[in-house]
């Protein structure tokens, strides 16, 4: 099993209201990928963070095997989400293990 963990901060200009709206969008959009990308076992989006956090948004994806990563990354629906992330987020951190 492969775990794909990604976290971001929002850009400074993103308001609290917009962060709530984006969280709802990310939760729905990423969750939909589970049914669209073969080999994805589970997806969850975490926000808002606890005060101990250094990032504002987190994505956790479990995949059957490493060969699923490029299928997931290149899926058109994932690429559409990435465009929204680029517009509103910064400071991306990613760990695959």
PDB file of N, CA and C in Angstrom:
ATOM      1  N   UNK A   1       0.842  -1.177   0.000  1.00  0.00           N
ATOM      2  CA  UNK A   1       0.000   0.000   0.000  1.00  0.00           C
ATOM      3  C   UNK A   1       0.892   1.247   0.000  1.00  0.00           C
ATOM      4  N   UNK A   2       0.465   2.245  -0.755  1.00  0.00           N
ATOM      5  CA  UNK A   2       1.152   3.528  -0.838  1.00  0.00           C
ATOM      6  C   UNK A   2       0.274   4.587  -0.175  1.00  0.00           C
ATOM      7  N   UNK A   3       0.920   5.456   0.566  1.00  0.00           N
ATOM      8  CA  UNK A   3       0.226   6.586   1.177  1.00  0.00           C
ATOM      9  C   UNK A   3       0.788   7.871   0.567  1.00  0.00           C
ATOM     10  N   UNK A   4      -0.105   8.727   0.137  1.00  0.00           N
ATOM     11  CA  UNK A   4       0.231  10.014  -0.492  1.00  0.00           C
ATOM     12  C   UNK A   4      -0.298  11.098   0.440  1.00  0.00           C
ATOM     13  N   UNK A   5       0.602  11.858   1.050  1.00  0.00           N
ATOM     14  CA  UNK A   5       0.214  12.882   2.014  1.00  0.00           C
ATOM     15  C   UNK A   5       0.727  14.232   1.520  1.00  0.00           C
ATOM     16  N   UNK A   6      -0.191  15.171   1.367  1.00  0.00           N
ATOM     17  CA  UNK A   6       0.164  16.488   0.860  1.00  0.00           C
ATOM     18  C   UNK A   6      -0.462  17.536   1.774  1.00  0.00           C
ATOM     19  N   UNK A   7       0.283  18.613   2.025  1.00  0.00           N
ATOM     20  CA  UNK A   7      -0.270  19.695   2.837  1.00  0.00           C
ATOM     21  C   UNK A   7       0.102  21.047   2.239  1.00  0.00           C
ATOM     22  N   UNK A   8      -0.711  22.044   2.540  1.00  0.00           N
ATOM     23  CA  UNK A   8      -0.533  23.394   2.017  1.00  0.00           C
ATOM     24  C   UNK A   8      -0.932  24.417   3.069  1.00  0.00           C
ATOM     25  N   UNK A   9      -0.516  25.634   2.823  1.00  0.00           N
ATOM     26  CA  UNK A   9      -1.072  26.806   3.477  1.00  0.00           C
ATOM     27  C   UNK A   9      -1.819  27.582   2.409  1.00  0.00           C
ATOM     28  N   UNK A  10      -2.818  28.325   2.843  1.00  0.00           N
ATOM     29  CA  UNK A  10      -3.502  29.213   1.908  1.00  0.00           C
ATOM     30  C   UNK A  10      -2.645  30.463   1.696  1.00  0.00           C
ATOM     31  N   UNK A  11      -2.802  31.077   0.559  1.00  0.00           N
ATOM     32  CA  UNK A  11      -2.141  32.352   0.306  1.00  0.00           C
ATOM     33  C   UNK A  11      -2.714  33.400   1.271  1.00  0.00           C
ATOM     34  N   UNK A  12      -1.911  34.407   1.599  1.00  0.00           N
ATOM     35  CA  UNK A  12      -2.300  35.416   2.588  1.00  0.00           C
ATOM     36  C   UNK A  12      -3.620  36.091   2.283  1.00  0.00           C
ATOM     37  N   UNK A  13      -3.900  36.314   1.021  1.00  0.00           N
ATOM     38  CA  UNK A  13      -5.097  37.069   0.649  1.00  0.00           C
ATOM     39  C   UNK A  13      -6.397  36.264   0.738  1.00  0.00           C
ATOM     40  N   UNK A  14      -6.323  34.976   1.024  1.00  0.00           N
ATOM     41  CA  UNK A  14      -7.527  34.141   1.094  1.00  0.00           C
ATOM     42  C   UNK A  14      -8.224  34.374   2.432  1.00  0.00           C
ATOM     43  N   UNK A  15      -9.471  34.797   2.361  1.00  0.00           N
ATOM     44  CA  UNK A  15     -10.247  35.108   3.568  1.00  0.00           C
ATOM     45  C   UNK A  15     -10.693  33.834   4.284  1.00  0.00           C
ATOM     46  N   UNK A  16     -11.104  33.985   5.516  1.00  0.00           N
ATOM     47  CA  UNK A  16     -11.613  32.849   6.298  1.00  0.00           C
ATOM     48  C   UNK A  16     -12.837  32.231   5.622  1.00  0.00           C
ATOM     49  N   UNK A  17     -13.704  33.063   5.074  1.00  0.00           N
ATOM     50  CA  UNK A  17     -14.904  32.558   4.391  1.00  0.00           C
ATOM     51  C   UNK A  17     -14.522  31.754   3.153  1.00  0.00           C
ATOM     52  N   UNK A  18     -13.538  32.264   2.413  1.00  0.00           N
ATOM     53  CA  UNK A  18     -13.087  31.565   1.209  1.00  0.00           C
ATOM     54  C   UNK A  18     -12.437  30.236   1.580  1.00  0.00           C
ATOM     55  N   UNK A  19     -11.699  30.190   2.702  1.00  0.00           N
ATOM     56  CA  UNK A  19     -11.087  28.937   3.154  1.00  0.00           C
ATOM     57  C   UNK A  19     -12.148  27.888   3.428  1.00  0.00           C
ATOM     58  N   UNK A  20     -13.254  28.278   4.037  1.00  0.00           N
ATOM     59  CA  UNK A  20     -14.353  27.338   4.295  1.00  0.00           C
ATOM     60  C   UNK A  20     -14.939  26.831   2.989  1.00  0.00           C
ATOM     61  N   UNK A  21     -15.131  27.729   2.036  1.00  0.00           N
ATOM     62  CA  UNK A  21     -15.664  27.362   0.726  1.00  0.00           C
ATOM     63  C   UNK A  21     -14.709  26.404   0.001  1.00  0.00           C
ATOM     64  N   UNK A  22     -13.424  26.712   0.052  1.00  0.00           N
ATOM     65  CA  UNK A  22     -12.431  25.865  -0.606  1.00  0.00           C
ATOM     66  C   UNK A  22     -12.337  24.497   0.052  1.00  0.00           C
ATOM     67  N   UNK A  23     -12.409  24.449   1.377  1.00  0.00           N
ATOM     68  CA  UNK A  23     -12.377  23.155   2.063  1.00  0.00           C
ATOM     69  C   UNK A  23     -13.526  22.280   1.585  1.00  0.00           C
ATOM     70  N   UNK A  24     -14.715  22.831   1.496  1.00  0.00           N
ATOM     71  CA  UNK A  24     -15.869  22.057   1.019  1.00  0.00           C
ATOM     72  C   UNK A  24     -15.634  21.566  -0.409  1.00  0.00           C
ATOM     73  N   UNK A  25     -15.100  22.438  -1.251  1.00  0.00           N
ATOM     74  CA  UNK A  25     -14.800  22.044  -2.636  1.00  0.00           C
ATOM     75  C   UNK A  25     -13.757  20.930  -2.673  1.00  0.00           C
ATOM     76  N   UNK A  26     -12.637  21.114  -1.949  1.00  0.00           N
ATOM     77  CA  UNK A  26     -11.576  20.116  -1.963  1.00  0.00           C
ATOM     78  C   UNK A  26     -12.074  18.776  -1.428  1.00  0.00           C
ATOM     79  N   UNK A  27     -12.841  18.813  -0.373  1.00  0.00           N
ATOM     80  CA  UNK A  27     -13.357  17.570   0.217  1.00  0.00           C
ATOM     81  C   UNK A  27     -14.202  16.804  -0.801  1.00  0.00           C
ATOM     82  N   UNK A  28     -15.097  17.500  -1.466  1.00  0.00           N
ATOM     83  CA  UNK A  28     -15.964  16.854  -2.448  1.00  0.00           C
ATOM     84  C   UNK A  28     -15.184  16.405  -3.686  1.00  0.00           C
ATOM     85  N   UNK A  29     -14.353  17.285  -4.213  1.00  0.00           N
ATOM     86  CA  UNK A  29     -13.631  16.985  -5.453  1.00  0.00           C
ATOM     87  C   UNK A  29     -12.623  15.853  -5.270  1.00  0.00           C
ATOM     88  N   UNK A  30     -11.832  15.904  -4.187  1.00  0.00           N
ATOM     89  CA  UNK A  30     -10.877  14.831  -3.954  1.00  0.00           C
ATOM     90  C   UNK A  30     -11.585  13.516  -3.654  1.00  0.00           C
ATOM     91  N   UNK A  31     -12.643  13.551  -2.866  1.00  0.00           N
ATOM     92  CA  UNK A  31     -13.372  12.324  -2.528  1.00  0.00           C
ATOM     93  C   UNK A  31     -13.925  11.640  -3.774  1.00  0.00           C
ATOM     94  N   UNK A  32     -14.348  12.422  -4.747  1.00  0.00           N
ATOM     95  CA  UNK A  32     -14.885  11.861  -5.988  1.00  0.00           C
ATOM     96  C   UNK A  32     -13.832  11.076  -6.766  1.00  0.00           C
ATOM     97  N   UNK A  33     -12.555  11.401  -6.574  1.00  0.00           N
ATOM     98  CA  UNK A  33     -11.490  10.691  -7.292  1.00  0.00           C
ATOM     99  C   UNK A  33     -11.403   9.222  -6.892  1.00  0.00           C
ATOM    100  N   UNK A  34     -11.858   8.890  -5.696  1.00  0.00           N
ATOM    101  CA  UNK A  34     -11.804   7.499  -5.238  1.00  0.00           C
ATOM    102  C   UNK A  34     -12.559   6.576  -6.204  1.00  0.00           C
ATOM    103  N   UNK A  35     -13.657   7.052  -6.723  1.00  0.00           N
ATOM    104  CA  UNK A  35     -14.457   6.241  -7.639  1.00  0.00           C
ATOM    105  C   UNK A  35     -13.971   6.335  -9.089  1.00  0.00           C
ATOM    106  N   UNK A  36     -13.113   7.282  -9.365  1.00  0.00           N
ATOM    107  CA  UNK A  36     -12.690   7.516 -10.747  1.00  0.00           C
ATOM    108  C   UNK A  36     -11.307   6.980 -11.080  1.00  0.00           C
ATOM    109  N   UNK A  37     -10.472   6.772 -10.067  1.00  0.00           N
ATOM    110  CA  UNK A  37      -9.099   6.319 -10.308  1.00  0.00           C
ATOM    111  C   UNK A  37      -8.955   4.899  -9.757  1.00  0.00           C
ATOM    112  N   UNK A  38      -8.817   3.905 -10.623  1.00  0.00           N
ATOM    113  CA  UNK A  38      -8.642   2.529 -10.157  1.00  0.00           C
ATOM    114  C   UNK A  38      -7.401   2.408  -9.272  1.00  0.00           C
ATOM    115  N   UNK A  39      -7.557   1.724  -8.149  1.00  0.00           N
ATOM    116  CA  UNK A  39      -6.437   1.517  -7.250  1.00  0.00           C
ATOM    117  C   UNK A  39      -6.393   2.468  -6.073  1.00  0.00           C
ATOM    118  N   UNK A  40      -7.243   3.500  -6.090  1.00  0.00           N
ATOM    119  CA  UNK A  40      -7.334   4.396  -4.935  1.00  0.00           C
ATOM    120  C   UNK A  40      -8.239   3.733  -3.904  1.00  0.00           C
ATOM    121  N   UNK A  41      -7.725   3.562  -2.708  1.00  0.00           N
ATOM    122  CA  UNK A  41      -8.453   2.889  -1.636  1.00  0.00           C
ATOM    123  C   UNK A  41      -9.270   3.880  -0.814  1.00  0.00           C
ATOM    124  N   UNK A  42      -8.641   4.976  -0.427  1.00  0.00           N
ATOM    125  CA  UNK A  42      -9.352   5.979   0.366  1.00  0.00           C
ATOM    126  C   UNK A  42      -8.710   7.348   0.174  1.00  0.00           C
ATOM    127  N   UNK A  43      -9.535   8.380   0.390  1.00  0.00           N
ATOM    128  CA  UNK A  43      -9.078   9.766   0.295  1.00  0.00           C
ATOM    129  C   UNK A  43      -9.753  10.545   1.413  1.00  0.00           C
ATOM    130  N   UNK A  44      -8.961  11.364   2.100  1.00  0.00           N
ATOM    131  CA  UNK A  44      -9.556  12.280   3.071  1.00  0.00           C
ATOM    132  C   UNK A  44      -8.837  13.620   3.025  1.00  0.00           C
ATOM    133  N   UNK A  45      -9.599  14.657   3.310  1.00  0.00           N
ATOM    134  CA  UNK A  45      -9.086  16.022   3.329  1.00  0.00           C
ATOM    135  C   UNK A  45      -9.270  16.537   4.741  1.00  0.00           C
ATOM    136  N   UNK A  46      -8.193  17.093   5.305  1.00  0.00           N
ATOM    137  CA  UNK A  46      -8.247  17.584   6.677  1.00  0.00           C
ATOM    138  C   UNK A  46      -8.132  19.085   6.768  1.00  0.00           C
ATOM    139  N   UNK A  47      -9.109  19.688   7.433  1.00  0.00           N
ATOM    140  CA  UNK A  47      -9.117  21.119   7.729  1.00  0.00           C
ATOM    141  C   UNK A  47     -10.353  21.377   8.590  1.00  0.00           C
ATOM    142  N   UNK A  48     -10.449  22.397   9.331  1.00  0.00           N
ATOM    143  CA  UNK A  48      -9.360  23.287   9.693  1.00  0.00           C
ATOM    144  C   UNK A  48      -8.391  22.584  10.644  1.00  0.00           C
ATOM    145  N   UNK A  49      -7.175  23.055  10.689  1.00  0.00           N
ATOM    146  CA  UNK A  49      -6.164  22.382  11.498  1.00  0.00           C
ATOM    147  C   UNK A  49      -6.274  22.724  12.983  1.00  0.00           C
ATOM    148  N   UNK A  50      -5.688  21.861  13.779  1.00  0.00           N
ATOM    149  CA  UNK A  50      -5.536  22.160  15.201  1.00  0.00           C
ATOM    150  C   UNK A  50      -4.481  23.254  15.359  1.00  0.00           C
ATOM    151  N   UNK A  51      -4.486  23.971  16.470  1.00  0.00           N
ATOM    152  CA  UNK A  51      -3.502  25.047  16.673  1.00  0.00           C
ATOM    153  C   UNK A  51      -2.041  24.581  16.600  1.00  0.00           C
ATOM    154  N   UNK A  52      -1.787  23.310  16.838  1.00  0.00           N
ATOM    155  CA  UNK A  52      -0.421  22.790  16.790  1.00  0.00           C
ATOM    156  C   UNK A  52       0.103  22.591  15.363  1.00  0.00           C
ATOM    157  N   UNK A  53      -0.751  22.775  14.372  1.00  0.00           N
ATOM    158  CA  UNK A  53      -0.388  22.523  12.973  1.00  0.00           C
ATOM    159  C   UNK A  53       0.427  23.649  12.363  1.00  0.00           C
ATOM    160  N   UNK A  54       1.244  23.282  11.389  1.00  0.00           N
ATOM    161  CA  UNK A  54       2.002  24.276  10.630  1.00  0.00           C
ATOM    162  C   UNK A  54       1.470  24.424   9.204  1.00  0.00           C
ATOM    163  N   UNK A  55       0.457  23.661   8.853  1.00  0.00           N
ATOM    164  CA  UNK A  55      -0.204  23.761   7.552  1.00  0.00           C
ATOM    165  C   UNK A  55      -1.710  23.883   7.784  1.00  0.00           C
ATOM    166  N   UNK A  56      -2.398  24.473   6.801  1.00  0.00           N
ATOM    167  CA  UNK A  56      -3.829  24.732   6.947  1.00  0.00           C
ATOM    168  C   UNK A  56      -4.738  23.694   6.293  1.00  0.00           C
ATOM    169  N   UNK A  57      -4.180  22.906   5.393  1.00  0.00           N
ATOM    170  CA  UNK A  57      -4.977  21.953   4.625  1.00  0.00           C
ATOM    171  C   UNK A  57      -4.141  20.719   4.373  1.00  0.00           C
ATOM    172  N   UNK A  58      -4.743  19.552   4.502  1.00  0.00           N
ATOM    173  CA  UNK A  58      -4.003  18.301   4.314  1.00  0.00           C
ATOM    174  C   UNK A  58      -4.828  17.315   3.498  1.00  0.00           C
ATOM    175  N   UNK A  59      -4.149  16.591   2.626  1.00  0.00           N
ATOM    176  CA  UNK A  59      -4.753  15.534   1.817  1.00  0.00           C
ATOM    177  C   UNK A  59      -4.060  14.226   2.161  1.00  0.00           C
ATOM    178  N   UNK A  60      -4.849  13.183   2.386  1.00  0.00           N
ATOM    179  CA  UNK A  60      -4.308  11.851   2.688  1.00  0.00           C
ATOM    180  C   UNK A  60      -4.975  10.865   1.738  1.00  0.00           C
ATOM    181  N   UNK A  61      -4.162  10.174   0.929  1.00  0.00           N
ATOM    182  CA  UNK A  61      -4.684   9.210  -0.045  1.00  0.00           C
ATOM    183  C   UNK A  61      -3.973   7.880   0.156  1.00  0.00           C
ATOM    184  N   UNK A  62      -4.746   6.804   0.216  1.00  0.00           N
ATOM    185  CA  UNK A  62      -4.177   5.456   0.238  1.00  0.00           C
ATOM    186  C   UNK A  62      -4.437   4.816  -1.114  1.00  0.00           C
ATOM    187  N   UNK A  63      -3.370   4.222  -1.674  1.00  0.00           N
ATOM    188  CA  UNK A  63      -3.439   3.581  -2.989  1.00  0.00           C
ATOM    189  C   UNK A  63      -2.927   2.153  -2.869  1.00  0.00           C
ATOM    190  N   UNK A  64      -3.398   1.293  -3.742  1.00  0.00           N
ATOM    191  CA  UNK A  64      -3.018  -0.117  -3.686  1.00  0.00           C
ATOM    192  C   UNK A  64      -1.526  -0.337  -3.892  1.00  0.00           C
ATOM    193  N   UNK A  65      -0.943   0.420  -4.815  1.00  0.00           N
ATOM    194  CA  UNK A  65       0.472   0.229  -5.137  1.00  0.00           C
ATOM    195  C   UNK A  65       1.019   1.479  -5.817  1.00  0.00           C
ATOM    196  N   UNK A  66       2.323   1.535  -5.931  1.00  0.00           N
ATOM    197  CA  UNK A  66       3.000   2.713  -6.473  1.00  0.00           C
ATOM    198  C   UNK A  66       2.564   3.049  -7.902  1.00  0.00           C
ATOM    199  N   UNK A  67       2.212   2.049  -8.688  1.00  0.00           N
ATOM    200  CA  UNK A  67       1.815   2.299 -10.079  1.00  0.00           C
ATOM    201  C   UNK A  67       0.530   3.125 -10.193  1.00  0.00           C
ATOM    202  N   UNK A  68      -0.208   3.265  -9.096  1.00  0.00           N
ATOM    203  CA  UNK A  68      -1.436   4.070  -9.109  1.00  0.00           C
ATOM    204  C   UNK A  68      -1.111   5.568  -9.062  1.00  0.00           C
ATOM    205  N   UNK A  69       0.033   5.932  -8.478  1.00  0.00           N
ATOM    206  CA  UNK A  69       0.391   7.348  -8.334  1.00  0.00           C
ATOM    207  C   UNK A  69       0.325   8.131  -9.642  1.00  0.00           C
ATOM    208  N   UNK A  70       0.948   7.661 -10.740  1.00  0.00           N
ATOM    209  CA  UNK A  70       0.864   8.442 -11.984  1.00  0.00           C
ATOM    210  C   UNK A  70      -0.547   8.472 -12.578  1.00  0.00           C
ATOM    211  N   UNK A  71      -1.324   7.419 -12.370  1.00  0.00           N
ATOM    212  CA  UNK A  71      -2.718   7.423 -12.843  1.00  0.00           C
ATOM    213  C   UNK A  71      -3.516   8.498 -12.115  1.00  0.00           C
ATOM    214  N   UNK A  72      -3.308   8.563 -10.811  1.00  0.00           N
ATOM    215  CA  UNK A  72      -3.971   9.561  -9.970  1.00  0.00           C
ATOM    216  C   UNK A  72      -3.513  10.973 -10.356  1.00  0.00           C
ATOM    217  N   UNK A  73      -2.201  11.163 -10.437  1.00  0.00           N
ATOM    218  CA  UNK A  73      -1.639  12.486 -10.716  1.00  0.00           C
ATOM    219  C   UNK A  73      -2.065  13.018 -12.084  1.00  0.00           C
ATOM    220  N   UNK A  74      -2.190  12.135 -13.058  1.00  0.00           N
ATOM    221  CA  UNK A  74      -2.530  12.558 -14.408  1.00  0.00           C
ATOM    222  C   UNK A  74      -4.002  12.558 -14.733  1.00  0.00           C
ATOM    223  N   UNK A  75      -4.842  12.144 -13.787  1.00  0.00           N
ATOM    224  CA  UNK A  75      -6.284  12.098 -14.053  1.00  0.00           C
ATOM    225  C   UNK A  75      -6.802  13.522 -14.292  1.00  0.00           C
ATOM    226  N   UNK A  76      -7.633  13.725 -15.312  1.00  0.00           N
ATOM    227  CA  UNK A  76      -8.123  15.080 -15.627  1.00  0.00           C
ATOM    228  C   UNK A  76      -8.821  15.774 -14.455  1.00  0.00           C
ATOM    229  N   UNK A  77      -9.575  15.033 -13.662  1.00  0.00           N
ATOM    230  CA  UNK A  77     -10.254  15.651 -12.526  1.00  0.00           C
ATOM    231  C   UNK A  77      -9.251  16.086 -11.455  1.00  0.00           C
ATOM    232  N   UNK A  78      -8.186  15.309 -11.280  1.00  0.00           N
ATOM    233  CA  UNK A  78      -7.131  15.704 -10.340  1.00  0.00           C
ATOM    234  C   UNK A  78      -6.428  16.961 -10.852  1.00  0.00           C
ATOM    235  N   UNK A  79      -6.145  17.009 -12.130  1.00  0.00           N
ATOM    236  CA  UNK A  79      -5.479  18.170 -12.711  1.00  0.00           C
ATOM    237  C   UNK A  79      -6.325  19.442 -12.557  1.00  0.00           C
ATOM    238  N   UNK A  80      -7.645  19.299 -12.629  1.00  0.00           N
ATOM    239  CA  UNK A  80      -8.535  20.449 -12.423  1.00  0.00           C
ATOM    240  C   UNK A  80      -8.446  20.947 -10.978  1.00  0.00           C
ATOM    241  N   UNK A  81      -8.365  20.026 -10.025  1.00  0.00           N
ATOM    242  CA  UNK A  81      -8.222  20.403  -8.614  1.00  0.00           C
ATOM    243  C   UNK A  81      -6.882  21.106  -8.401  1.00  0.00           C
ATOM    244  N   UNK A  82      -5.845  20.597  -9.032  1.00  0.00           N
ATOM    245  CA  UNK A  82      -4.509  21.191  -8.907  1.00  0.00           C
ATOM    246  C   UNK A  82      -4.525  22.657  -9.339  1.00  0.00           C
ATOM    247  N   UNK A  83      -5.271  22.968 -10.374  1.00  0.00           N
ATOM    248  CA  UNK A  83      -5.353  24.360 -10.834  1.00  0.00           C
ATOM    249  C   UNK A  83      -5.960  25.264  -9.756  1.00  0.00           C
ATOM    250  N   UNK A  84      -6.962  24.777  -9.047  1.00  0.00           N
ATOM    251  CA  UNK A  84      -7.568  25.556  -7.962  1.00  0.00           C
ATOM    252  C   UNK A  84      -6.560  25.712  -6.820  1.00  0.00           C
ATOM    253  N   UNK A  85      -5.859  24.638  -6.508  1.00  0.00           N
ATOM    254  CA  UNK A  85      -4.845  24.698  -5.451  1.00  0.00           C
ATOM    255  C   UNK A  85      -3.782  25.740  -5.793  1.00  0.00           C
ATOM    256  N   UNK A  86      -3.303  25.742  -7.024  1.00  0.00           N
ATOM    257  CA  UNK A  86      -2.277  26.704  -7.436  1.00  0.00           C
ATOM    258  C   UNK A  86      -2.765  28.145  -7.286  1.00  0.00           C
ATOM    259  N   UNK A  87      -4.045  28.347  -7.499  1.00  0.00           N
ATOM    260  CA  UNK A  87      -4.611  29.696  -7.416  1.00  0.00           C
ATOM    261  C   UNK A  87      -4.702  30.199  -5.974  1.00  0.00           C
ATOM    262  N   UNK A  88      -4.998  29.289  -5.021  1.00  0.00           N
ATOM    263  CA  UNK A  88      -5.299  29.723  -3.661  1.00  0.00           C
ATOM    264  C   UNK A  88      -4.318  29.236  -2.587  1.00  0.00           C
ATOM    265  N   UNK A  89      -3.444  28.303  -2.928  1.00  0.00           N
ATOM    266  CA  UNK A  89      -2.574  27.704  -1.906  1.00  0.00           C
ATOM    267  C   UNK A  89      -1.094  27.910  -2.227  1.00  0.00           C
ATOM    268  N   UNK A  90      -0.279  27.692  -1.212  1.00  0.00           N
ATOM    269  CA  UNK A  90       1.172  27.812  -1.345  1.00  0.00           C
ATOM    270  C   UNK A  90       1.830  26.853  -0.349  1.00  0.00           C
ATOM    271  N   UNK A  91       3.147  26.819  -0.355  1.00  0.00           N
ATOM    272  CA  UNK A  91       3.911  26.036   0.620  1.00  0.00           C
ATOM    273  C   UNK A  91       3.571  24.541   0.597  1.00  0.00           C
ATOM    274  N   UNK A  92       3.478  23.974  -0.585  1.00  0.00           N
ATOM    275  CA  UNK A  92       3.133  22.545  -0.715  1.00  0.00           C
ATOM    276  C   UNK A  92       4.229  21.655  -0.135  1.00  0.00           C
ATOM    277  N   UNK A  93       3.805  20.666   0.626  1.00  0.00           N
ATOM    278  CA  UNK A  93       4.693  19.605   1.129  1.00  0.00           C
ATOM    279  C   UNK A  93       4.056  18.277   0.747  1.00  0.00           C
ATOM    280  N   UNK A  94       4.872  17.330   0.303  1.00  0.00           N
ATOM    281  CA  UNK A  94       4.341  16.029  -0.116  1.00  0.00           C
ATOM    282  C   UNK A  94       5.273  14.918   0.361  1.00  0.00           C
ATOM    283  N   UNK A  95       4.657  13.841   0.843  1.00  0.00           N
ATOM    284  CA  UNK A  95       5.382  12.631   1.203  1.00  0.00           C
ATOM    285  C   UNK A  95       4.600  11.452   0.646  1.00  0.00           C
ATOM    286  N   UNK A  96       5.287  10.594  -0.091  1.00  0.00           N
ATOM    287  CA  UNK A  96       4.714   9.334  -0.574  1.00  0.00           C
ATOM    288  C   UNK A  96       5.516   8.215   0.056  1.00  0.00           C
ATOM    289  N   UNK A  97       4.833   7.277   0.663  1.00  0.00           N
ATOM    290  CA  UNK A  97       5.544   6.156   1.281  1.00  0.00           C
ATOM    291  C   UNK A  97       4.706   4.906   1.236  1.00  0.00           C
TER     292      UNK A  97
END
